Amino acid sequence: MSEPVPSITSAPEPLAVDQARRTRSYLIQMSIRVVCIVGAVLVDGWIRWALVAAAVVLPYSAVLIANAGRDRAEHDTSPMTPAAAPELTELPDPASPEVVDEVPDAPTAPGYPGAGNSGAPGAPGAGRVIDHVDD
C-alpha cells in the first residue's frame, strides 16, 4: 500500500504569518480590556462589576490564545499491532532429509576449499544435507 501524497494545503503557515496572527489576536483582546477599564470608570451598577471582571480575565485568556500557536501538529498515537507470525500447516517428514543446493556467502577465491566448484549436484561441496528437525 502506498503512502498518501502530501498536499500543499496541508503545509503549515509560515512562521511570520503565524506570529502576526497571534500578535494581532493579543492586541485586539488587550484593546477590549482597555475599553472594559474605561467603561468600568464611566458606568455604575452591576455593569461596572462585569466590566471589571472582564478586565481581570482578559489578560489570562489573551496570553493563552496567543501562545497556542504552532503546536497544532497532529500525531498518530494509535497503538501498533505487530503482524501475526505465519503458522505451520504440517510438520516436515523427519525421515526424508532436505538438500540445500547452494551455500550462502561461499568464498569463490582460489585457494579456498570448494572454490571453483560448478555447483552441480554431486560435485564436492555442492550442497549440504539437513537431517534434523528443530523442536
Protein backbone atom coordinates (compact mmCIF):
# COMPACT_ATOMS: atom_id res chain seq x y z
CA MET A 1 0.00 0.00 0.00
CA SER A 2 1.46 3.37 -0.94
CA GLU A 3 1.84 6.42 1.27
CA PRO A 4 -0.57 9.31 0.68
CA VAL A 5 0.90 12.15 -1.34
CA PRO A 6 1.28 15.32 0.79
CA SER A 7 -0.86 18.21 -0.34
CA ILE A 8 0.34 21.82 -0.39
CA THR A 9 -2.81 22.74 1.52
CA SER A 10 -1.65 20.61 4.45
CA ALA A 11 1.61 22.57 4.77
CA PRO A 12 1.81 24.77 7.89
CA GLU A 13 1.62 28.53 7.51
CA PRO A 14 4.92 30.44 7.55
CA LEU A 15 6.31 31.48 10.93
CA ALA A 16 5.99 35.23 10.15
CA VAL A 17 2.29 34.83 9.28
CA ASP A 18 1.69 32.79 12.43
CA GLN A 19 3.40 35.38 14.64
CA ALA A 20 1.48 38.24 13.01
CA ARG A 21 -1.83 36.43 13.58
CA ARG A 22 -1.01 35.75 17.22
CA THR A 23 0.15 39.35 17.83
CA ARG A 24 -3.00 40.74 16.22
CA SER A 25 -5.19 38.47 18.37
CA TYR A 26 -3.37 39.56 21.55
CA LEU A 27 -3.62 43.27 20.68
CA ILE A 28 -7.35 43.01 19.93
CA GLN A 29 -8.01 41.35 23.29
CA MET A 30 -5.90 43.92 25.15
CA SER A 31 -7.81 46.72 23.35
CA ILE A 32 -11.05 45.17 24.59
CA ARG A 33 -9.55 45.16 28.11
CA VAL A 34 -8.77 48.90 27.89
CA VAL A 35 -12.35 49.53 26.80
CA CYS A 36 -13.57 47.47 29.79
CA ILE A 37 -11.42 49.50 32.21
CA VAL A 38 -12.61 52.85 30.79
CA GLY A 39 -16.21 51.60 30.79
CA ALA A 40 -15.91 50.47 34.43
CA VAL A 41 -14.91 54.02 35.40
CA LEU A 42 -17.78 55.63 33.45
CA VAL A 43 -20.74 53.35 34.36
CA ASP A 44 -22.35 52.38 37.63
CA GLY A 45 -24.11 49.29 38.97
CA TRP A 46 -23.72 45.64 38.00
CA ILE A 47 -22.29 46.57 34.56
CA ARG A 48 -19.24 48.10 36.31
CA TRP A 49 -18.51 44.79 38.05
CA ALA A 50 -18.99 42.82 34.84
CA LEU A 51 -16.50 45.11 33.06
CA VAL A 52 -14.02 44.81 35.96
CA ALA A 53 -14.32 41.01 35.83
CA ALA A 54 -13.75 41.05 32.07
CA ALA A 55 -10.70 43.34 32.53
CA VAL A 56 -9.26 40.86 35.06
CA VAL A 57 -9.87 37.71 32.98
CA LEU A 58 -8.88 39.04 29.53
CA PRO A 59 -5.07 39.14 30.06
CA TYR A 60 -5.01 35.48 31.08
CA SER A 61 -7.10 34.35 28.12
CA ALA A 62 -5.19 36.62 25.73
CA VAL A 63 -1.86 35.05 26.72
CA LEU A 64 -3.27 31.53 26.45
CA ILE A 65 -4.67 32.17 22.98
CA ALA A 66 -1.51 33.99 21.78
CA ASN A 67 0.75 31.16 22.99
CA ALA A 68 -1.39 28.44 21.42
CA GLY A 69 0.47 28.88 18.15
CA ARG A 70 2.34 26.36 16.06
CA ASP A 71 1.70 23.40 18.35
CA ARG A 72 -1.21 22.16 16.25
CA ALA A 73 0.57 19.20 14.69
CA GLU A 74 -1.45 16.01 14.85
CA HIS A 75 0.47 12.88 15.77
CA ASP A 76 -0.69 9.34 15.32
CA THR A 77 -1.00 7.87 18.81
CA SER A 78 -2.82 4.70 17.84
CA PRO A 79 -1.22 1.54 19.20
CA MET A 80 0.79 -0.53 16.78
CA THR A 81 -0.29 -4.14 16.34
CA PRO A 82 2.50 -6.48 15.24
CA ALA A 83 1.84 -8.74 12.28
CA ALA A 84 0.97 -12.32 13.16
CA ALA A 85 3.66 -14.93 12.57
CA PRO A 86 2.86 -17.45 9.84
CA GLU A 87 1.62 -20.79 11.14
CA LEU A 88 2.92 -24.20 10.08
CA THR A 89 0.33 -26.20 8.21
CA GLU A 90 2.17 -29.53 8.59
CA LEU A 91 5.40 -30.75 10.13
CA PRO A 92 8.25 -31.79 7.82
CA ASP A 93 8.86 -35.52 7.45
CA PRO A 94 11.91 -36.37 9.63
CA ALA A 95 12.68 -39.49 7.54
CA SER A 96 13.48 -37.59 4.34
CA PRO A 97 16.46 -35.20 4.57
CA GLU A 98 16.21 -31.81 2.87
CA VAL A 99 19.02 -30.98 0.43
CA VAL A 100 20.08 -27.36 0.02
CA ASP A 101 21.83 -26.78 -3.30
CA GLU A 102 23.64 -23.52 -2.53
CA VAL A 103 25.65 -22.42 0.45
CA PRO A 104 25.13 -18.70 1.13
CA ASP A 105 28.22 -16.48 1.15
CA ALA A 106 30.52 -19.30 -0.07
CA PRO A 107 34.03 -18.00 -0.89
CA THR A 108 34.93 -18.24 -4.56
CA ALA A 109 38.57 -17.08 -4.48
CA PRO A 110 41.25 -19.62 -5.45
CA GLY A 111 42.84 -21.40 -2.53
CA TYR A 112 39.66 -21.82 -0.51
CA PRO A 113 38.31 -25.35 -0.12
CA GLY A 114 35.47 -25.83 -2.55
CA ALA A 115 36.45 -22.83 -4.64
CA GLY A 116 35.76 -23.14 -8.31
CA ASN A 117 33.02 -25.74 -7.88
CA SER A 118 30.40 -25.52 -10.52
CA GLY A 119 27.61 -26.10 -8.01
CA ALA A 120 26.43 -29.12 -9.95
CA PRO A 121 24.77 -31.88 -7.95
CA GLY A 122 27.32 -34.46 -6.92
CA ALA A 123 30.25 -32.04 -7.07
CA PRO A 124 32.24 -31.80 -3.84
CA GLY A 125 30.77 -29.06 -1.61
CA ALA A 126 27.81 -28.52 -3.92
CA GLY A 127 25.20 -28.82 -1.21
CA ARG A 128 24.60 -29.88 2.32
CA VAL A 129 22.19 -32.32 3.85
CA ILE A 130 19.95 -31.25 6.71
CA ASP A 131 18.62 -34.29 8.50
CA HIS A 132 17.23 -32.91 11.75
CA VAL A 133 14.09 -31.10 12.85
CA ASP A 134 14.20 -28.29 15.41
CA ASP A 135 11.88 -28.72 18.35
